[in-house]
Every structure is written in structure tokens, then in C-alpha cells.
């Protein structure tokens, strides 16, 4: 396995286990969102919406196993993504709500 870098903190998409590391990176609205999402079960819509939001913000779907992002690991990448977000916490909350609304529409379609 020469040349293969394996980081145990690297997943295909943003891992929910990294949510707690993001709590103190922003202001009160962000912290309240993380506090609300963190204790929820994995299939909860809010938790899924948070994951979807982070996947989109971090560009997880384009991450390659040999990229610098993957070598650093998902937790460090997501921390950097949240720190580099140029909008305010209200804009982050809007991104979360968009992801949540999209998931609710999808779940409604699937259940029909």
C-alpha cells in the first residue's frame, strides 16, 4: 500500500460525529443549532439537514481520497469550512433551513 494515505477521520461525506467539533466556532445562533441537532438520532430530519448543509458547504461530493482535504480528515475540513464561511450566523441558519425544507419535501414525496 505504498503511497496510500489512510486517515481514520475521513469519510465519503460529512460525518455526524464531527458536529460537536463545530459548536464553538461561531456565535449564539450557530451554537443553538448545533446544540439542537447534536443529541438527535441519526434519522432525525434536523440532523440529516445539518449533514446535507455541511456536505454542500464543504464540497464533500467532490472530495477525493488523495486530496489535501481528505488527508486532513473530515473534522478538520469541516472546522475550516465553518470558519471560512463569510456570511453571518443568520445566513448559516438559512442554509440549514433550506436543506431541512428540501429533505421534508423529499420525504413527503417518498411517503406518498
PDB file of N, CA and C in Angstrom:
ATOM      1  N   UNK A   1       0.823  -1.182   0.000  1.00  0.00           N
ATOM      2  CA  UNK A   1       0.000   0.000   0.000  1.00  0.00           C
ATOM      3  C   UNK A   1       0.866   1.245   0.000  1.00  0.00           C
ATOM      4  N   UNK A   2       1.921   1.247  -0.777  1.00  0.00           N
ATOM      5  CA  UNK A   2       2.772   2.421  -0.891  1.00  0.00           C
ATOM      6  C   UNK A   2       1.999   3.585  -1.470  1.00  0.00           C
ATOM      7  N   UNK A   3       2.201   4.763  -0.901  1.00  0.00           N
ATOM      8  CA  UNK A   3       1.593   5.969  -1.416  1.00  0.00           C
ATOM      9  C   UNK A   3       0.145   6.174  -1.009  1.00  0.00           C
ATOM     10  N   UNK A   4      -0.454   5.234  -0.302  1.00  0.00           N
ATOM     11  CA  UNK A   4      -1.842   5.375   0.114  1.00  0.00           C
ATOM     12  C   UNK A   4      -1.876   6.003   1.504  1.00  0.00           C
ATOM     13  N   UNK A   5      -2.612   7.091   1.603  1.00  0.00           N
ATOM     14  CA  UNK A   5      -2.763   7.764   2.886  1.00  0.00           C
ATOM     15  C   UNK A   5      -4.117   7.364   3.449  1.00  0.00           C
ATOM     16  N   UNK A   6      -4.112   6.836   4.643  1.00  0.00           N
ATOM     17  CA  UNK A   6      -5.363   6.423   5.271  1.00  0.00           C
ATOM     18  C   UNK A   6      -5.551   7.222   6.544  1.00  0.00           C
ATOM     19  N   UNK A   7      -6.606   7.992   6.584  1.00  0.00           N
ATOM     20  CA  UNK A   7      -6.931   8.788   7.750  1.00  0.00           C
ATOM     21  C   UNK A   7      -8.252   8.258   8.301  1.00  0.00           C
ATOM     22  N   UNK A   8      -8.260   7.837   9.540  1.00  0.00           N
ATOM     23  CA  UNK A   8      -9.467   7.266  10.131  1.00  0.00           C
ATOM     24  C   UNK A   8     -10.568   8.297  10.327  1.00  0.00           C
ATOM     25  N   UNK A   9     -10.254   9.574  10.101  1.00  0.00           N
ATOM     26  CA  UNK A   9     -11.246  10.639  10.236  1.00  0.00           C
ATOM     27  C   UNK A   9     -11.801  11.059   8.872  1.00  0.00           C
ATOM     28  N   UNK A  10     -11.584  10.263   7.849  1.00  0.00           N
ATOM     29  CA  UNK A  10     -12.052  10.603   6.514  1.00  0.00           C
ATOM     30  C   UNK A  10     -13.177   9.663   6.094  1.00  0.00           C
ATOM     31  N   UNK A  11     -14.302  10.259   5.716  1.00  0.00           N
ATOM     32  CA  UNK A  11     -15.466   9.516   5.261  1.00  0.00           C
ATOM     33  C   UNK A  11     -15.826   9.972   3.849  1.00  0.00           C
ATOM     34  N   UNK A  12     -16.828   9.348   3.265  1.00  0.00           N
ATOM     35  CA  UNK A  12     -17.276   9.753   1.928  1.00  0.00           C
ATOM     36  C   UNK A  12     -17.985  11.105   1.959  1.00  0.00           C
ATOM     37  N   UNK A  13     -18.762  11.352   3.004  1.00  0.00           N
ATOM     38  CA  UNK A  13     -19.483  12.607   3.181  1.00  0.00           C
ATOM     39  C   UNK A  13     -19.305  13.071   4.615  1.00  0.00           C
ATOM     40  N   UNK A  14     -19.730  14.291   4.899  1.00  0.00           N
ATOM     41  CA  UNK A  14     -19.596  14.842   6.242  1.00  0.00           C
ATOM     42  C   UNK A  14     -20.165  13.878   7.286  1.00  0.00           C
ATOM     43  N   UNK A  15     -19.347  13.469   8.239  1.00  0.00           N
ATOM     44  CA  UNK A  15     -19.818  12.527   9.262  1.00  0.00           C
ATOM     45  C   UNK A  15     -20.457  13.247  10.452  1.00  0.00           C
ATOM     46  N   UNK A  16     -21.632  12.806  10.885  1.00  0.00           N
ATOM     47  CA  UNK A  16     -22.286  13.436  12.033  1.00  0.00           C
ATOM     48  C   UNK A  16     -21.426  13.454  13.298  1.00  0.00           C
ATOM     49  N   UNK A  17     -20.485  12.545  13.412  1.00  0.00           N
ATOM     50  CA  UNK A  17     -19.621  12.538  14.608  1.00  0.00           C
ATOM     51  C   UNK A  17     -18.781  13.816  14.711  1.00  0.00           C
ATOM     52  N   UNK A  18     -18.659  14.568  13.625  1.00  0.00           N
ATOM     53  CA  UNK A  18     -17.865  15.801  13.627  1.00  0.00           C
ATOM     54  C   UNK A  18     -18.676  17.026  14.052  1.00  0.00           C
ATOM     55  N   UNK A  19     -19.977  16.872  14.226  1.00  0.00           N
ATOM     56  CA  UNK A  19     -20.830  18.021  14.560  1.00  0.00           C
ATOM     57  C   UNK A  19     -20.368  18.715  15.838  1.00  0.00           C
ATOM     58  N   UNK A  20     -20.055  17.954  16.862  1.00  0.00           N
ATOM     59  CA  UNK A  20     -19.693  18.566  18.148  1.00  0.00           C
ATOM     60  C   UNK A  20     -18.453  19.452  18.049  1.00  0.00           C
ATOM     61  N   UNK A  21     -17.544  19.150  17.151  1.00  0.00           N
ATOM     62  CA  UNK A  21     -16.320  19.944  16.990  1.00  0.00           C
ATOM     63  C   UNK A  21     -16.602  21.327  16.400  1.00  0.00           C
ATOM     64  N   UNK A  22     -17.802  21.521  15.880  1.00  0.00           N
ATOM     65  CA  UNK A  22     -18.146  22.781  15.213  1.00  0.00           C
ATOM     66  C   UNK A  22     -18.857  23.778  16.120  1.00  0.00           C
ATOM     67  N   UNK A  23     -19.248  23.345  17.296  1.00  0.00           N
ATOM     68  CA  UNK A  23     -20.115  24.144  18.160  1.00  0.00           C
ATOM     69  C   UNK A  23     -19.576  25.535  18.480  1.00  0.00           C
ATOM     70  N   UNK A  24     -18.354  25.642  18.895  1.00  0.00           N
ATOM     71  CA  UNK A  24     -17.827  26.914  19.405  1.00  0.00           C
ATOM     72  C   UNK A  24     -17.134  27.767  18.343  1.00  0.00           C
ATOM     73  N   UNK A  25     -17.392  27.489  17.074  1.00  0.00           N
ATOM     74  CA  UNK A  25     -16.719  28.226  16.002  1.00  0.00           C
ATOM     75  C   UNK A  25     -17.428  29.505  15.591  1.00  0.00           C
ATOM     76  N   UNK A  26     -18.694  29.642  15.986  1.00  0.00           N
ATOM     77  CA  UNK A  26     -19.495  30.788  15.573  1.00  0.00           C
ATOM     78  C   UNK A  26     -20.242  31.338  16.785  1.00  0.00           C
ATOM     79  N   UNK A  27     -21.202  32.189  16.512  1.00  0.00           N
ATOM     80  CA  UNK A  27     -21.956  32.854  17.568  1.00  0.00           C
ATOM     81  C   UNK A  27     -23.087  32.027  18.155  1.00  0.00           C
ATOM     82  N   UNK A  28     -23.947  32.721  18.876  1.00  0.00           N
ATOM     83  CA  UNK A  28     -25.014  32.077  19.651  1.00  0.00           C
ATOM     84  C   UNK A  28     -26.013  31.308  18.782  1.00  0.00           C
ATOM     85  N   UNK A  29     -26.433  31.872  17.650  1.00  0.00           N
ATOM     86  CA  UNK A  29     -27.385  31.169  16.778  1.00  0.00           C
ATOM     87  C   UNK A  29     -26.817  29.845  16.290  1.00  0.00           C
ATOM     88  N   UNK A  30     -25.556  29.860  15.896  1.00  0.00           N
ATOM     89  CA  UNK A  30     -24.889  28.640  15.429  1.00  0.00           C
ATOM     90  C   UNK A  30     -24.798  27.624  16.563  1.00  0.00           C
ATOM     91  N   UNK A  31     -24.405  28.081  17.745  1.00  0.00           N
ATOM     92  CA  UNK A  31     -24.274  27.187  18.885  1.00  0.00           C
ATOM     93  C   UNK A  31     -25.619  26.559  19.242  1.00  0.00           C
ATOM     94  N   UNK A  32     -26.697  27.347  19.170  1.00  0.00           N
ATOM     95  CA  UNK A  32     -28.028  26.812  19.442  1.00  0.00           C
ATOM     96  C   UNK A  32     -28.413  25.751  18.417  1.00  0.00           C
ATOM     97  N   UNK A  33     -28.060  25.982  17.149  1.00  0.00           N
ATOM     98  CA  UNK A  33     -28.345  24.994  16.104  1.00  0.00           C
ATOM     99  C   UNK A  33     -27.593  23.699  16.375  1.00  0.00           C
ATOM    100  N   UNK A  34     -26.310  23.796  16.665  1.00  0.00           N
ATOM    101  CA  UNK A  34     -25.509  22.595  16.952  1.00  0.00           C
ATOM    102  C   UNK A  34     -26.063  21.885  18.174  1.00  0.00           C
ATOM    103  N   UNK A  35     -26.400  22.632  19.211  1.00  0.00           N
ATOM    104  CA  UNK A  35     -26.961  22.028  20.424  1.00  0.00           C
ATOM    105  C   UNK A  35     -28.284  21.320  20.150  1.00  0.00           C
ATOM    106  N   UNK A  36     -29.072  21.847  19.228  1.00  0.00           N
ATOM    107  CA  UNK A  36     -30.356  21.236  18.878  1.00  0.00           C
ATOM    108  C   UNK A  36     -30.165  19.960  18.064  1.00  0.00           C
ATOM    109  N   UNK A  37     -29.211  19.967  17.156  1.00  0.00           N
ATOM    110  CA  UNK A  37     -29.007  18.860  16.220  1.00  0.00           C
ATOM    111  C   UNK A  37     -28.214  17.711  16.846  1.00  0.00           C
ATOM    112  N   UNK A  38     -27.244  18.036  17.646  1.00  0.00           N
ATOM    113  CA  UNK A  38     -26.303  17.043  18.182  1.00  0.00           C
ATOM    114  C   UNK A  38     -26.945  15.859  18.892  1.00  0.00           C
ATOM    115  N   UNK A  39     -27.895  16.062  19.798  1.00  0.00           N
ATOM    116  CA  UNK A  39     -28.431  14.898  20.531  1.00  0.00           C
ATOM    117  C   UNK A  39     -29.461  14.080  19.749  1.00  0.00           C
ATOM    118  N   UNK A  40     -29.839  14.528  18.556  1.00  0.00           N
ATOM    119  CA  UNK A  40     -30.879  13.830  17.811  1.00  0.00           C
ATOM    120  C   UNK A  40     -30.373  12.512  17.236  1.00  0.00           C
ATOM    121  N   UNK A  41     -31.288  11.599  17.049  1.00  0.00           N
ATOM    122  CA  UNK A  41     -30.958  10.316  16.428  1.00  0.00           C
ATOM    123  C   UNK A  41     -30.583  10.542  14.966  1.00  0.00           C
ATOM    124  N   UNK A  42     -29.743   9.675  14.410  1.00  0.00           N
ATOM    125  CA  UNK A  42     -29.296   9.846  13.018  1.00  0.00           C
ATOM    126  C   UNK A  42     -30.407  10.056  11.985  1.00  0.00           C
ATOM    127  N   UNK A  43     -31.571   9.389  12.089  1.00  0.00           N
ATOM    128  CA  UNK A  43     -32.581   9.618  11.040  1.00  0.00           C
ATOM    129  C   UNK A  43     -33.423  10.882  11.228  1.00  0.00           C
ATOM    130  N   UNK A  44     -33.181  11.660  12.274  1.00  0.00           N
ATOM    131  CA  UNK A  44     -33.958  12.878  12.514  1.00  0.00           C
ATOM    132  C   UNK A  44     -33.731  13.876  11.381  1.00  0.00           C
ATOM    133  N   UNK A  45     -34.787  14.538  10.947  1.00  0.00           N
ATOM    134  CA  UNK A  45     -34.703  15.463   9.816  1.00  0.00           C
ATOM    135  C   UNK A  45     -33.708  16.587  10.083  1.00  0.00           C
ATOM    136  N   UNK A  46     -33.704  17.155  11.281  1.00  0.00           N
ATOM    137  CA  UNK A  46     -32.761  18.238  11.587  1.00  0.00           C
ATOM    138  C   UNK A  46     -31.314  17.772  11.463  1.00  0.00           C
ATOM    139  N   UNK A  47     -31.047  16.597  11.956  1.00  0.00           N
ATOM    140  CA  UNK A  47     -29.676  16.073  11.882  1.00  0.00           C
ATOM    141  C   UNK A  47     -29.276  15.806  10.428  1.00  0.00           C
ATOM    142  N   UNK A  48     -30.177  15.225   9.661  1.00  0.00           N
ATOM    143  CA  UNK A  48     -29.909  14.989   8.242  1.00  0.00           C
ATOM    144  C   UNK A  48     -29.721  16.307   7.492  1.00  0.00           C
ATOM    145  N   UNK A  49     -30.523  17.306   7.836  1.00  0.00           N
ATOM    146  CA  UNK A  49     -30.409  18.615   7.198  1.00  0.00           C
ATOM    147  C   UNK A  49     -29.059  19.256   7.505  1.00  0.00           C
ATOM    148  N   UNK A  50     -28.592  19.094   8.723  1.00  0.00           N
ATOM    149  CA  UNK A  50     -27.283  19.643   9.092  1.00  0.00           C
ATOM    150  C   UNK A  50     -26.191  18.964   8.271  1.00  0.00           C
ATOM    151  N   UNK A  51     -26.277  17.653   8.150  1.00  0.00           N
ATOM    152  CA  UNK A  51     -25.291  16.911   7.347  1.00  0.00           C
ATOM    153  C   UNK A  51     -25.337  17.382   5.900  1.00  0.00           C
ATOM    154  N   UNK A  52     -26.533  17.514   5.335  1.00  0.00           N
ATOM    155  CA  UNK A  52     -26.671  17.969   3.953  1.00  0.00           C
ATOM    156  C   UNK A  52     -26.081  19.368   3.780  1.00  0.00           C
ATOM    157  N   UNK A  53     -26.355  20.252   4.713  1.00  0.00           N
ATOM    158  CA  UNK A  53     -25.801  21.604   4.663  1.00  0.00           C
ATOM    159  C   UNK A  53     -24.275  21.567   4.661  1.00  0.00           C
ATOM    160  N   UNK A  54     -23.690  20.758   5.540  1.00  0.00           N
ATOM    161  CA  UNK A  54     -22.236  20.677   5.620  1.00  0.00           C
ATOM    162  C   UNK A  54     -21.634  20.032   4.369  1.00  0.00           C
ATOM    163  N   UNK A  55     -22.313  19.035   3.808  1.00  0.00           N
ATOM    164  CA  UNK A  55     -21.845  18.403   2.568  1.00  0.00           C
ATOM    165  C   UNK A  55     -21.766  19.449   1.463  1.00  0.00           C
ATOM    166  N   UNK A  56     -22.780  20.268   1.376  1.00  0.00           N
ATOM    167  CA  UNK A  56     -22.808  21.309   0.347  1.00  0.00           C
ATOM    168  C   UNK A  56     -21.762  22.386   0.602  1.00  0.00           C
ATOM    169  N   UNK A  57     -21.675  22.855   1.831  1.00  0.00           N
ATOM    170  CA  UNK A  57     -20.710  23.915   2.146  1.00  0.00           C
ATOM    171  C   UNK A  57     -19.272  23.450   1.952  1.00  0.00           C
ATOM    172  N   UNK A  58     -19.004  22.216   2.361  1.00  0.00           N
ATOM    173  CA  UNK A  58     -17.640  21.700   2.310  1.00  0.00           C
ATOM    174  C   UNK A  58     -17.255  21.063   0.995  1.00  0.00           C
ATOM    175  N   UNK A  59     -18.207  20.899   0.109  1.00  0.00           N
ATOM    176  CA  UNK A  59     -17.904  20.259  -1.171  1.00  0.00           C
ATOM    177  C   UNK A  59     -17.512  18.801  -1.021  1.00  0.00           C
ATOM    178  N   UNK A  60     -18.143  18.120  -0.083  1.00  0.00           N
ATOM    179  CA  UNK A  60     -17.795  16.721   0.200  1.00  0.00           C
ATOM    180  C   UNK A  60     -17.932  15.813  -1.017  1.00  0.00           C
ATOM    181  N   UNK A  61     -18.903  16.093  -1.866  1.00  0.00           N
ATOM    182  CA  UNK A  61     -19.140  15.196  -3.007  1.00  0.00           C
ATOM    183  C   UNK A  61     -18.014  15.233  -4.028  1.00  0.00           C
ATOM    184  N   UNK A  62     -17.172  16.266  -3.969  1.00  0.00           N
ATOM    185  CA  UNK A  62     -16.043  16.330  -4.901  1.00  0.00           C
ATOM    186  C   UNK A  62     -14.710  15.987  -4.235  1.00  0.00           C
ATOM    187  N   UNK A  63     -14.734  15.607  -2.979  1.00  0.00           N
ATOM    188  CA  UNK A  63     -13.507  15.269  -2.255  1.00  0.00           C
ATOM    189  C   UNK A  63     -12.966  13.934  -2.755  1.00  0.00           C
ATOM    190  N   UNK A  64     -11.692  13.893  -3.001  1.00  0.00           N
ATOM    191  CA  UNK A  64     -11.016  12.677  -3.455  1.00  0.00           C
ATOM    192  C   UNK A  64     -10.158  12.117  -2.319  1.00  0.00           C
ATOM    193  N   UNK A  65     -10.005  10.816  -2.283  1.00  0.00           N
ATOM    194  CA  UNK A  65      -9.273  10.177  -1.182  1.00  0.00           C
ATOM    195  C   UNK A  65      -7.816  10.627  -1.100  1.00  0.00           C
ATOM    196  N   UNK A  66      -7.260  11.110  -2.201  1.00  0.00           N
ATOM    197  CA  UNK A  66      -5.865  11.552  -2.171  1.00  0.00           C
ATOM    198  C   UNK A  66      -5.730  13.074  -2.126  1.00  0.00           C
ATOM    199  N   UNK A  67      -6.848  13.768  -1.858  1.00  0.00           N
ATOM    200  CA  UNK A  67      -6.808  15.229  -1.787  1.00  0.00           C
ATOM    201  C   UNK A  67      -6.297  15.686  -0.422  1.00  0.00           C
ATOM    202  N   UNK A  68      -5.866  16.929  -0.379  1.00  0.00           N
ATOM    203  CA  UNK A  68      -5.394  17.509   0.871  1.00  0.00           C
ATOM    204  C   UNK A  68      -6.505  17.488   1.915  1.00  0.00           C
ATOM    205  N   UNK A  69      -7.746  17.785   1.486  1.00  0.00           N
ATOM    206  CA  UNK A  69      -8.885  17.783   2.424  1.00  0.00           C
ATOM    207  C   UNK A  69      -9.045  16.407   3.064  1.00  0.00           C
ATOM    208  N   UNK A  70      -8.991  15.368   2.238  1.00  0.00           N
ATOM    209  CA  UNK A  70      -9.179  14.010   2.753  1.00  0.00           C
ATOM    210  C   UNK A  70      -8.030  13.613   3.673  1.00  0.00           C
ATOM    211  N   UNK A  71      -6.851  14.022   3.339  1.00  0.00           N
ATOM    212  CA  UNK A  71      -5.694  13.676   4.175  1.00  0.00           C
ATOM    213  C   UNK A  71      -5.779  14.339   5.549  1.00  0.00           C
ATOM    214  N   UNK A  72      -6.376  15.533   5.610  1.00  0.00           N
ATOM    215  CA  UNK A  72      -6.535  16.219   6.895  1.00  0.00           C
ATOM    216  C   UNK A  72      -7.643  15.588   7.726  1.00  0.00           C
ATOM    217  N   UNK A  73      -8.643  15.028   7.056  1.00  0.00           N
ATOM    218  CA  UNK A  73      -9.759  14.412   7.760  1.00  0.00           C
ATOM    219  C   UNK A  73     -10.991  15.293   7.750  1.00  0.00           C
ATOM    220  N   UNK A  74     -12.121  14.673   7.918  1.00  0.00           N
ATOM    221  CA  UNK A  74     -13.409  15.365   7.835  1.00  0.00           C
ATOM    222  C   UNK A  74     -13.599  16.398   8.946  1.00  0.00           C
ATOM    223  N   UNK A  75     -13.162  16.096  10.136  1.00  0.00           N
ATOM    224  CA  UNK A  75     -13.355  17.036  11.241  1.00  0.00           C
ATOM    225  C   UNK A  75     -12.610  18.326  10.972  1.00  0.00           C
ATOM    226  N   UNK A  76     -11.333  18.235  10.609  1.00  0.00           N
ATOM    227  CA  UNK A  76     -10.556  19.442  10.329  1.00  0.00           C
ATOM    228  C   UNK A  76     -11.092  20.192   9.115  1.00  0.00           C
ATOM    229  N   UNK A  77     -11.514  19.469   8.098  1.00  0.00           N
ATOM    230  CA  UNK A  77     -12.078  20.095   6.907  1.00  0.00           C
ATOM    231  C   UNK A  77     -13.359  20.847   7.257  1.00  0.00           C
ATOM    232  N   UNK A  78     -14.220  20.237   8.058  1.00  0.00           N
ATOM    233  CA  UNK A  78     -15.480  20.892   8.414  1.00  0.00           C
ATOM    234  C   UNK A  78     -15.240  22.106   9.318  1.00  0.00           C
ATOM    235  N   UNK A  79     -14.271  22.024  10.197  1.00  0.00           N
ATOM    236  CA  UNK A  79     -13.915  23.182  11.028  1.00  0.00           C
ATOM    237  C   UNK A  79     -13.470  24.336  10.133  1.00  0.00           C
ATOM    238  N   UNK A  80     -12.621  24.036   9.183  1.00  0.00           N
ATOM    239  CA  UNK A  80     -12.143  25.059   8.258  1.00  0.00           C
ATOM    240  C   UNK A  80     -13.293  25.618   7.415  1.00  0.00           C
ATOM    241  N   UNK A  81     -14.206  24.770   7.000  1.00  0.00           N
ATOM    242  CA  UNK A  81     -15.355  25.204   6.204  1.00  0.00           C
ATOM    243  C   UNK A  81     -16.209  26.195   6.983  1.00  0.00           C
ATOM    244  N   UNK A  82     -16.506  25.889   8.232  1.00  0.00           N
ATOM    245  CA  UNK A  82     -17.331  26.771   9.051  1.00  0.00           C
ATOM    246  C   UNK A  82     -16.584  28.073   9.346  1.00  0.00           C
ATOM    247  N   UNK A  83     -15.310  27.995   9.642  1.00  0.00           N
ATOM    248  CA  UNK A  83     -14.523  29.204   9.919  1.00  0.00           C
ATOM    249  C   UNK A  83     -14.433  30.116   8.697  1.00  0.00           C
ATOM    250  N   UNK A  84     -14.345  29.534   7.530  1.00  0.00           N
ATOM    251  CA  UNK A  84     -14.191  30.323   6.302  1.00  0.00           C
ATOM    252  C   UNK A  84     -15.509  30.863   5.750  1.00  0.00           C
ATOM    253  N   UNK A  85     -16.625  30.436   6.294  1.00  0.00           N
ATOM    254  CA  UNK A  85     -17.914  30.914   5.803  1.00  0.00           C
ATOM    255  C   UNK A  85     -17.985  32.418   6.037  1.00  0.00           C
ATOM    256  N   UNK A  86     -18.242  33.147   4.986  1.00  0.00           N
ATOM    257  CA  UNK A  86     -18.176  34.613   5.062  1.00  0.00           C
ATOM    258  C   UNK A  86     -19.465  35.270   5.542  1.00  0.00           C
ATOM    259  N   UNK A  87     -20.553  34.524   5.516  1.00  0.00           N
ATOM    260  CA  UNK A  87     -21.812  35.086   5.970  1.00  0.00           C
ATOM    261  C   UNK A  87     -21.912  35.063   7.489  1.00  0.00           C
ATOM    262  N   UNK A  88     -23.008  35.608   7.978  1.00  0.00           N
ATOM    263  CA  UNK A  88     -23.221  35.588   9.427  1.00  0.00           C
ATOM    264  C   UNK A  88     -23.993  34.328   9.833  1.00  0.00           C
ATOM    265  N   UNK A  89     -24.229  34.191  11.108  1.00  0.00           N
ATOM    266  CA  UNK A  89     -24.911  33.005  11.614  1.00  0.00           C
ATOM    267  C   UNK A  89     -26.332  32.897  11.072  1.00  0.00           C
ATOM    268  N   UNK A  90     -26.979  34.028  10.822  1.00  0.00           N
ATOM    269  CA  UNK A  90     -28.328  34.022  10.257  1.00  0.00           C
ATOM    270  C   UNK A  90     -28.313  33.382   8.868  1.00  0.00           C
ATOM    271  N   UNK A  91     -27.265  33.646   8.091  1.00  0.00           N
ATOM    272  CA  UNK A  91     -27.143  33.039   6.765  1.00  0.00           C
ATOM    273  C   UNK A  91     -26.898  31.527   6.866  1.00  0.00           C
ATOM    274  N   UNK A  92     -26.120  31.123   7.850  1.00  0.00           N
ATOM    275  CA  UNK A  92     -25.920  29.687   8.075  1.00  0.00           C
ATOM    276  C   UNK A  92     -27.239  29.019   8.451  1.00  0.00           C
ATOM    277  N   UNK A  93     -27.995  29.679   9.285  1.00  0.00           N
ATOM    278  CA  UNK A  93     -29.298  29.144   9.684  1.00  0.00           C
ATOM    279  C   UNK A  93     -30.232  29.047   8.469  1.00  0.00           C
ATOM    280  N   UNK A  94     -30.154  30.016   7.569  1.00  0.00           N
ATOM    281  CA  UNK A  94     -30.961  29.972   6.345  1.00  0.00           C
ATOM    282  C   UNK A  94     -30.553  28.786   5.473  1.00  0.00           C
ATOM    283  N   UNK A  95     -29.249  28.507   5.375  1.00  0.00           N
ATOM    284  CA  UNK A  95     -28.777  27.341   4.617  1.00  0.00           C
ATOM    285  C   UNK A  95     -29.299  26.050   5.243  1.00  0.00           C
ATOM    286  N   UNK A  96     -29.272  25.999   6.558  1.00  0.00           N
ATOM    287  CA  UNK A  96     -29.799  24.835   7.266  1.00  0.00           C
ATOM    288  C   UNK A  96     -31.291  24.670   6.979  1.00  0.00           C
ATOM    289  N   UNK A  97     -32.043  25.765   7.060  1.00  0.00           N
ATOM    290  CA  UNK A  97     -33.486  25.698   6.825  1.00  0.00           C
ATOM    291  C   UNK A  97     -33.810  25.287   5.391  1.00  0.00           C
ATOM    292  N   UNK A  98     -33.008  25.743   4.433  1.00  0.00           N
ATOM    293  CA  UNK A  98     -33.193  25.322   3.038  1.00  0.00           C
ATOM    294  C   UNK A  98     -32.991  23.812   2.908  1.00  0.00           C
ATOM    295  N   UNK A  99     -31.943  23.307   3.535  1.00  0.00           N
ATOM    296  CA  UNK A  99     -31.671  21.868   3.488  1.00  0.00           C
ATOM    297  C   UNK A  99     -32.800  21.096   4.171  1.00  0.00           C
ATOM    298  N   UNK A 100     -33.278  21.616   5.281  1.00  0.00           N
ATOM    299  CA  UNK A 100     -34.373  20.957   6.010  1.00  0.00           C
ATOM    300  C   UNK A 100     -35.644  20.925   5.170  1.00  0.00           C
ATOM    301  N   UNK A 101     -35.976  22.064   4.557  1.00  0.00           N
ATOM    302  CA  UNK A 101     -37.176  22.132   3.709  1.00  0.00           C
ATOM    303  C   UNK A 101     -37.069  21.147   2.551  1.00  0.00           C
ATOM    304  N   UNK A 102     -35.899  21.065   1.946  1.00  0.00           N
ATOM    305  CA  UNK A 102     -35.686  20.138   0.829  1.00  0.00           C
ATOM    306  C   UNK A 102     -35.870  18.686   1.273  1.00  0.00           C
ATOM    307  N   UNK A 103     -35.326  18.342   2.427  1.00  0.00           N
ATOM    308  CA  UNK A 103     -35.493  16.984   2.946  1.00  0.00           C
ATOM    309  C   UNK A 103     -36.951  16.677   3.266  1.00  0.00           C
ATOM    310  N   UNK A 104     -37.654  17.634   3.852  1.00  0.00           N
ATOM    311  CA  UNK A 104     -39.067  17.411   4.171  1.00  0.00           C
ATOM    312  C   UNK A 104     -39.889  17.209   2.906  1.00  0.00           C
ATOM    313  N   UNK A 105     -39.599  17.979   1.843  1.00  0.00           N
ATOM    314  CA  UNK A 105     -40.302  17.782   0.568  1.00  0.00           C
ATOM    315  C   UNK A 105     -39.989  16.393   0.017  1.00  0.00           C
ATOM    316  N   UNK A 106     -38.734  15.984   0.069  1.00  0.00           N
ATOM    317  CA  UNK A 106     -38.338  14.680  -0.433  1.00  0.00           C
ATOM    318  C   UNK A 106     -39.019  13.555   0.344  1.00  0.00           C
ATOM    319  N   UNK A 107     -39.009  13.676   1.646  1.00  0.00           N
ATOM    320  CA  UNK A 107     -39.642  12.641   2.495  1.00  0.00           C
ATOM    321  C   UNK A 107     -41.133  12.583   2.199  1.00  0.00           C
ATOM    322  N   UNK A 108     -41.753  13.738   1.982  1.00  0.00           N
ATOM    323  CA  UNK A 108     -43.173  13.767   1.647  1.00  0.00           C
ATOM    324  C   UNK A 108     -43.470  13.079   0.332  1.00  0.00           C
ATOM    325  N   UNK A 109     -42.598  13.239  -0.636  1.00  0.00           N
ATOM    326  CA  UNK A 109     -42.760  12.587  -1.944  1.00  0.00           C
ATOM    327  C   UNK A 109     -42.577  11.069  -1.814  1.00  0.00           C
ATOM    328  N   UNK A 110     -41.578  10.675  -1.088  1.00  0.00           N
ATOM    329  CA  UNK A 110     -41.276   9.244  -0.926  1.00  0.00           C
ATOM    330  C   UNK A 110     -42.399   8.526  -0.188  1.00  0.00           C
ATOM    331  N   UNK A 111     -42.992   9.161   0.775  1.00  0.00           N
ATOM    332  CA  UNK A 111     -44.053   8.533   1.586  1.00  0.00           C
ATOM    333  C   UNK A 111     -45.377   8.394   0.851  1.00  0.00           C
ATOM    334  N   UNK A 112     -45.551   9.133  -0.234  1.00  0.00           N
ATOM    335  CA  UNK A 112     -46.822   9.076  -0.974  1.00  0.00           C
ATOM    336  C   UNK A 112     -47.008   7.771  -1.695  1.00  0.00           C
TER     337      UNK A 112
END
